[in-house]
Protein backbone atom coordinates (compact mmCIF):
# COMPACT_ATOMS: atom_id res chain seq x y z
CA MET A 1 -0.41 -0.02 -0.08
CA SER A 2 1.59 3.77 -1.30
CA ASP A 3 1.92 6.03 1.63
CA GLU A 4 1.38 8.54 -0.93
CA GLN A 5 -0.93 10.96 0.43
CA PRO A 6 -3.63 12.22 -1.92
CA PRO A 7 -3.34 15.89 -3.50
CA ILE A 8 -5.91 18.20 -0.84
CA GLU A 9 -7.85 19.47 -3.79
CA GLU A 10 -9.08 15.67 -4.48
CA VAL A 11 -10.22 15.10 -0.23
CA LEU A 12 -12.08 18.54 -0.40
CA ALA A 13 -13.65 17.30 -4.11
CA THR A 14 -14.62 14.45 -2.40
CA LEU A 15 -16.64 16.25 0.76
CA ALA A 16 -17.83 18.99 -0.87
CA PRO A 17 -19.19 19.66 -4.35
CA ALA A 18 -17.72 22.21 -6.21
CA PRO A 19 -20.25 25.53 -6.39
CA ALA A 20 -22.16 25.78 -9.08
CA PRO A 21 -21.04 29.01 -11.22
CA LEU A 22 -22.66 32.04 -10.92
CA SER A 23 -25.36 33.22 -12.91
CA THR A 24 -24.48 35.92 -15.38
CA GLY A 25 -28.04 36.64 -16.51
CA ARG A 26 -31.50 36.55 -14.51
CA SER A 27 -34.12 33.88 -15.89
CA VAL A 28 -36.26 34.80 -18.95
CA ARG A 29 -39.87 33.90 -17.66
CA PRO A 30 -42.63 32.95 -20.24
CA GLY A 31 -44.65 36.02 -19.62
CA ASP A 32 -41.44 37.92 -20.89
CA ARG A 33 -41.18 35.88 -23.84
CA ILE A 34 -44.32 36.23 -24.67
CA PHE A 35 -44.31 39.84 -24.74
CA ALA A 36 -40.50 40.50 -26.42
CA VAL A 37 -42.23 38.30 -29.54
CA LEU A 38 -45.54 40.35 -29.40
CA SER A 39 -43.58 43.39 -29.18
CA GLY A 40 -40.96 42.68 -32.26
CA GLY A 41 -44.40 41.11 -33.82
CA ALA A 42 -46.03 44.71 -33.37
CA SER A 43 -43.21 46.43 -34.98
CA LEU A 44 -42.64 44.31 -38.09
CA THR A 45 -46.25 44.18 -38.63
CA LEU A 46 -46.20 48.36 -38.69
CA LEU A 47 -43.03 48.14 -40.89
CA LEU A 48 -44.92 45.97 -43.53
CA ILE A 49 -48.21 48.15 -43.46
CA ILE A 50 -45.97 50.90 -44.37
CA ALA A 51 -43.85 48.80 -47.03
CA LEU A 52 -47.43 47.64 -48.36
CA ILE A 53 -49.08 51.23 -48.96
CA ALA A 54 -45.41 52.00 -50.42
CA ALA A 55 -45.64 49.30 -52.89
CA PHE A 56 -48.97 50.05 -53.96
CA LEU A 57 -48.71 53.45 -54.54
CA LEU A 58 -45.66 52.77 -56.47
CA TYR A 59 -47.94 50.27 -57.99
CA ARG A 60 -50.57 52.42 -59.33
CA SER A 61 -48.92 55.69 -59.85
CA ILE A 62 -46.42 54.49 -62.84
CA PRO A 63 -48.77 54.28 -65.46
CA ALA A 64 -49.56 57.85 -65.40
CA VAL A 65 -45.99 59.03 -65.32
CA ARG A 66 -45.82 57.00 -68.14
CA ALA A 67 -48.12 58.43 -70.14
CA ASP A 68 -47.52 62.01 -69.26
CA THR A 69 -46.33 64.63 -71.89
CA THR A 70 -44.25 66.43 -69.84
CA ASN A 71 -42.08 66.15 -66.73
CA PHE A 72 -44.09 64.98 -63.51
CA LEU A 73 -41.56 66.79 -61.12
CA THR A 74 -41.66 70.53 -62.71
CA THR A 75 -45.25 70.72 -64.32
CA SER A 76 -47.83 72.93 -62.69
CA ALA A 77 -50.46 71.77 -64.96
CA TRP A 78 -52.96 69.42 -63.83
CA PHE A 79 -55.01 68.15 -67.38
CA PRO A 80 -54.16 64.40 -66.70
CA ASP A 81 -57.15 62.45 -68.20
CA SER A 82 -56.88 65.61 -71.54
CA THR A 83 -55.26 64.37 -74.65
CA PRO A 84 -51.73 64.79 -74.74
CA SER A 85 -51.79 63.49 -70.88
CA THR A 86 -50.33 66.94 -69.26
CA PHE A 87 -50.01 66.93 -65.45
CA GLY A 88 -47.21 67.49 -62.50
CA ILE A 89 -46.99 67.95 -58.96
CA ALA A 90 -44.61 71.31 -58.74
CA ALA A 91 -47.22 73.89 -57.84
CA LEU A 92 -49.26 70.76 -55.72
CA ALA A 93 -45.68 70.98 -53.46
CA TRP A 94 -45.15 73.95 -53.44
CA GLY A 95 -48.32 75.04 -52.14
CA THR A 96 -48.65 72.02 -49.82
CA LEU A 97 -44.70 73.41 -47.81
CA LEU A 98 -45.92 76.79 -47.89
CA SER A 99 -49.18 76.73 -46.07
CA SER A 100 -46.98 74.41 -44.05
CA LEU A 101 -44.38 76.69 -43.22
CA ILE A 102 -46.68 79.04 -43.03
CA ALA A 103 -48.61 77.54 -39.96
CA LEU A 104 -45.70 75.64 -38.06
CA VAL A 105 -44.01 79.57 -37.71
CA LEU A 106 -47.33 81.26 -36.73
CA ALA A 107 -47.76 78.02 -34.27
CA VAL A 108 -45.11 77.02 -32.66
CA PRO A 109 -44.37 79.93 -30.81
CA VAL A 110 -48.27 80.15 -29.61
CA ALA A 111 -47.68 76.65 -28.92
CA VAL A 112 -44.68 76.70 -26.87
CA GLY A 113 -45.51 80.02 -24.93
CA THR A 114 -48.80 77.75 -24.10
CA ALA A 115 -46.92 74.71 -22.94
CA LEU A 116 -44.66 77.53 -20.72
CA PHE A 117 -47.38 78.96 -18.98
CA ILE A 118 -49.60 75.93 -18.35
CA ALA A 119 -46.09 74.29 -17.11
CA HIS A 120 -44.25 76.37 -14.83
CA PHE A 121 -46.43 80.03 -14.64
CA ALA A 122 -50.31 79.03 -14.23
CA PRO A 123 -51.65 77.93 -10.73
CA ARG A 124 -52.65 74.47 -10.31
CA ARG A 125 -56.47 75.57 -10.51
CA LEU A 126 -56.03 76.87 -13.41
CA ALA A 127 -53.62 74.79 -15.12
CA GLN A 128 -55.62 71.60 -15.32
CA PRO A 129 -58.44 72.87 -17.02
CA LEU A 130 -56.22 74.78 -19.45
CA ALA A 131 -54.13 72.04 -20.30
CA TYR A 132 -57.51 70.57 -20.65
CA LEU A 133 -58.74 72.88 -22.97
CA VAL A 134 -55.73 72.63 -24.87
CA ASP A 135 -55.91 69.07 -25.63
CA LEU A 136 -59.52 68.92 -26.53
CA LEU A 137 -58.95 71.70 -29.28
CA ALA A 138 -56.93 68.54 -31.16
CA ALA A 139 -59.85 66.33 -31.10
CA VAL A 140 -62.19 68.88 -33.12
CA PRO A 141 -62.75 67.07 -37.03
CA SER A 142 -61.09 69.06 -39.96
CA VAL A 143 -64.66 70.10 -40.98
CA ILE A 144 -65.22 72.47 -38.47
CA TYR A 145 -62.08 74.09 -38.64
CA GLY A 146 -62.87 74.69 -42.74
CA LEU A 147 -66.19 75.45 -42.09
CA TRP A 148 -64.77 78.15 -39.31
CA GLY A 149 -62.01 79.03 -41.51
CA LEU A 150 -64.72 79.93 -44.53
CA PHE A 151 -67.42 81.77 -42.45
CA PHE A 152 -65.55 83.52 -39.78
CA LEU A 153 -61.31 83.55 -40.28
CA VAL A 154 -61.43 84.49 -44.30
CA PRO A 155 -63.70 87.47 -43.48
CA GLN A 156 -61.98 88.59 -40.48
CA MET A 157 -58.57 88.26 -42.61
CA VAL A 158 -59.50 90.85 -45.21
CA GLY A 159 -58.31 93.95 -42.97
CA LEU A 160 -55.08 92.26 -41.63
CA GLN A 161 -54.53 91.48 -45.54
CA THR A 162 -55.14 95.04 -46.22
CA TRP A 163 -52.87 96.41 -44.26
CA LEU A 164 -50.08 94.35 -44.67
CA ALA A 165 -50.21 95.24 -48.14
CA ASP A 166 -50.90 98.61 -48.02
CA HIS A 167 -47.30 98.83 -45.32
CA LEU A 168 -45.50 95.56 -46.30
CA GLY A 169 -46.73 95.40 -50.08
CA TRP A 170 -42.56 95.86 -50.45
CA PHE A 171 -42.15 92.89 -49.78
CA PRO A 172 -42.50 89.91 -52.33
CA LEU A 173 -44.51 87.93 -49.93
CA PHE A 174 -46.96 90.52 -49.31
CA SER A 175 -47.34 92.61 -52.65
CA VAL A 176 -50.74 91.91 -54.23
CA GLY A 177 -51.83 93.29 -57.65
CA SER A 178 -54.78 94.71 -58.34
CA GLY A 179 -58.38 93.56 -57.75
CA SER A 180 -56.98 91.11 -54.93
CA THR A 181 -60.23 90.45 -52.68
CA PHE A 182 -57.89 88.88 -50.00
CA LYS A 183 -59.96 85.48 -49.55
CA GLN A 184 -58.66 82.20 -50.92
CA THR A 185 -55.35 82.65 -49.45
CA MET A 186 -52.27 80.86 -48.67
CA LEU A 187 -51.99 82.85 -45.38
CA ASN A 188 -55.72 81.76 -44.70
CA ALA A 189 -54.69 79.05 -44.95
CA GLY A 190 -51.70 78.76 -43.32
CA VAL A 191 -53.56 80.81 -40.27
CA VAL A 192 -56.35 77.30 -40.68
CA LEU A 193 -53.56 75.40 -40.31
CA ALA A 194 -52.28 77.02 -37.26
CA VAL A 195 -55.41 76.83 -35.21
CA MET A 196 -55.62 73.04 -36.13
CA ILE A 197 -51.86 72.27 -35.06
CA LEU A 198 -51.60 74.13 -32.19
CA PRO A 199 -53.32 71.95 -29.61
CA ILE A 200 -50.69 68.95 -31.03
CA ILE A 201 -47.85 71.13 -30.75
CA SER A 202 -48.82 72.34 -27.02
CA ALA A 203 -49.42 68.98 -25.32
CA VAL A 204 -46.75 67.24 -26.95
CA THR A 205 -44.07 70.21 -25.08
CA ARG A 206 -46.20 70.66 -22.10
CA GLU A 207 -45.71 66.57 -21.13
CA VAL A 208 -42.28 67.46 -21.96
CA PHE A 209 -41.21 70.68 -19.85
CA LEU A 210 -43.32 68.69 -17.26
CA GLN A 211 -40.39 66.67 -16.90
CA VAL A 212 -37.61 68.71 -16.12
CA PRO A 213 -35.36 67.34 -13.46
CA ARG A 214 -36.53 70.07 -10.45
CA ASP A 215 -32.98 70.09 -9.40
CA HIS A 216 -32.29 71.90 -12.47
CA VAL A 217 -34.41 74.37 -11.66
CA GLU A 218 -33.96 74.77 -8.13
CA ALA A 219 -30.11 74.89 -9.06
CA ALA A 220 -31.41 77.71 -11.07
CA GLN A 221 -33.25 79.56 -8.17
CA ALA A 222 -30.37 78.89 -5.81
CA LEU A 223 -27.94 80.77 -7.97
CA GLY A 224 -30.18 84.08 -8.02
CA ALA A 225 -31.96 82.96 -11.95
CA THR A 226 -35.15 85.16 -12.34
CA ARG A 227 -38.29 83.40 -13.59
CA TRP A 228 -36.81 83.83 -16.83
CA GLU A 229 -34.09 82.83 -16.62
CA VAL A 230 -34.47 79.39 -15.19
CA ILE A 231 -37.65 79.37 -18.10
CA ARG A 232 -34.13 80.12 -20.76
CA LEU A 233 -31.38 78.25 -19.10
CA ALA A 234 -33.11 75.34 -17.33
CA VAL A 235 -36.61 74.30 -19.09
CA LEU A 236 -35.50 75.04 -23.02
CA PRO A 237 -32.75 73.22 -22.80
CA PHE A 238 -34.02 70.17 -21.72
CA GLY A 239 -36.96 70.18 -23.76
CA ARG A 240 -36.01 71.90 -26.86
CA PRO A 241 -36.11 67.77 -28.84
CA GLY A 242 -39.29 67.63 -27.01
CA ILE A 243 -40.52 70.65 -29.34
CA ILE A 244 -38.92 69.95 -32.72
CA SER A 245 -40.76 66.30 -31.63
CA ALA A 246 -43.73 67.84 -31.43
CA SER A 247 -42.91 70.57 -34.12
CA MET A 248 -42.43 67.83 -36.66
CA LEU A 249 -45.73 65.97 -35.33
CA GLY A 250 -47.73 69.81 -36.12
CA LEU A 251 -46.26 69.61 -39.64
CA GLY A 252 -46.88 65.84 -40.66
CA ARG A 253 -50.80 67.61 -39.47
CA ALA A 254 -50.40 70.00 -41.58
CA LEU A 255 -49.33 68.49 -44.84
CA GLY A 256 -51.65 65.86 -44.77
CA GLU A 257 -54.77 68.22 -43.86
CA THR A 258 -57.59 67.40 -46.61
CA VAL A 259 -61.21 69.11 -45.56
CA ALA A 260 -59.80 72.22 -44.00
CA ILE A 261 -57.78 73.37 -47.01
CA ALA A 262 -60.51 72.06 -49.69
CA LEU A 263 -62.63 75.27 -48.20
CA VAL A 264 -60.46 78.18 -47.84
CA LEU A 265 -57.69 77.72 -50.80
CA SER A 266 -57.92 78.00 -53.95
CA THR A 267 -57.77 75.35 -56.68
CA ASN A 268 -55.40 77.24 -59.04
CA TYR A 269 -52.69 75.60 -59.95
CA VAL A 270 -49.63 78.33 -59.71
CA ILE A 271 -46.48 78.86 -57.67
CA SER A 272 -46.30 82.19 -55.80
CA TRP A 273 -44.36 83.77 -53.13
CA LYS A 274 -47.82 86.34 -53.10
CA ILE A 275 -49.00 84.92 -49.92
CA LEU A 276 -51.92 87.50 -50.08
CA GLU A 277 -53.02 86.74 -53.73
CA PRO A 278 -55.96 84.14 -54.50
CA GLY A 279 -54.20 81.07 -55.77
CA GLY A 280 -52.32 77.87 -54.74
CA ASN A 281 -52.82 74.35 -54.34
CA THR A 282 -52.23 71.19 -51.92
CA PHE A 283 -51.59 67.48 -52.58
CA ALA A 284 -54.67 67.11 -50.12
CA ALA A 285 -57.04 69.36 -51.24
CA ASN A 286 -56.04 68.14 -55.21
CA ILE A 287 -56.53 65.26 -53.96
CA ALA A 288 -60.14 65.29 -51.97
CA LEU A 289 -61.40 67.61 -55.11
CA GLN A 290 -60.51 66.28 -58.12
CA TYR A 291 -61.21 62.27 -57.02
CA GLY A 292 -64.89 62.03 -57.67
CA TYR A 293 -64.36 63.60 -61.60
CA ALA A 294 -60.78 61.88 -62.53
CA ALA A 295 -61.04 58.58 -64.89
CA ASP A 296 -58.63 56.08 -64.44
CA LEU A 297 -55.48 58.14 -65.90
CA GLY A 298 -56.45 60.61 -63.62
CA THR A 299 -56.95 58.63 -60.59
CA ASN A 300 -53.76 56.80 -61.45
CA ALA A 301 -51.92 60.39 -61.64
CA LEU A 302 -53.71 61.43 -58.07
CA ILE A 303 -52.14 58.49 -56.57
CA ALA A 304 -48.85 59.72 -57.83
CA SER A 305 -49.38 62.86 -56.05
CA GLY A 306 -50.43 60.93 -53.10
CA LEU A 307 -47.08 59.33 -53.41
CA VAL A 308 -44.60 62.25 -53.97
CA LEU A 309 -46.42 63.95 -50.40
CA PHE A 310 -45.43 59.84 -48.61
CA VAL A 311 -42.50 60.75 -49.28
CA ILE A 312 -41.94 64.13 -48.19
CA THR A 313 -43.88 63.23 -45.43
CA LEU A 314 -41.11 60.20 -44.43
CA VAL A 315 -38.16 62.05 -45.58
CA VAL A 316 -39.79 64.85 -42.30
CA ASN A 317 -39.77 62.32 -40.00
CA ILE A 318 -36.43 60.95 -40.85
CA VAL A 319 -34.44 64.29 -40.75
CA ALA A 320 -36.49 65.30 -37.84
CA ARG A 321 -35.59 62.21 -35.79
CA GLY A 322 -31.85 63.02 -36.80
CA VAL A 323 -31.83 66.22 -35.57
CA ILE A 324 -33.36 64.95 -32.18
CA ALA A 325 -30.66 62.68 -32.26
CA ARG A 326 -28.32 64.38 -32.64
CA ARG A 327 -29.79 66.69 -29.92
CA ARG A 328 -29.31 64.08 -27.18
CA GLU A 329 -25.84 63.67 -28.21
CA PHE A 330 -25.25 66.68 -27.73
CA ALA A 331 -26.98 66.99 -24.09
CA GLY A 332 -25.64 63.77 -23.53
CA ALA A 333 -21.95 65.13 -23.39
CA ALA A 334 -22.54 68.41 -21.95
CA GLY A 335 -23.82 66.78 -18.95
């Protein structure tokens, strides 16, 4: 019998088994796995729906673009059912972008000011009802805004537009020709759109302002900052990505608005900087007004214009996401 002793490690191993390695992750519960699958499926379904919409628009647009005897992107006239077929989206794109930009310029300052007042200035007893009223405006149907604009806003805007033409007519934007009635103008359409997108921008911006860390506000106050300095140094920098997101959301609503624009804007296919003269049209309003009278080729032409609007909206959202991402990276680097 050998007198050699076994190593101490073997003796300890026979006495107690080696401890199991620590798990680096938590066990996945069946409910979590099911939720992950459903969430991923919902995301893929949404992407599939968008892809199918784009494919349908592209498929129905090809016959009209092939039949067009002019340049689809640079032509302003709209006669798709004539012989030969002549139509393009230049005037529609111009009217859509110009009316939406006017709406943004008018709505964003008012919406941000309203959100600041509700979130940081108004007493709580006043802030809650006011926030409810602002949110309620977003639920008003488009046709109501259109009727309000047609029968109330347009007559009331004649005096303001006359004043702008008399005092600022030297500027190309406010110049008018002789005999202008100041009705069905691009400015009227922009004001109606501004009223429509204002509650959306204000509601989203307000929620962002309410999420400003209390430590930031109290630190600025401790340094002796005034109320406006607190807003400028602590609230607005934190809420800038939210303001951009809300503005892009409102812009998407303005780009696709149909009934209200069809009621207050003329149907002329012209490209003009003069926002105080009748003229201009938009993609959505043109589709709504022309669809009932369009033949097969005209319907395909309207779908082609809808495809362009789809692409414009997609590009706007992509640019907005990029701007927001860069703002967040800058904020994280600064912190």
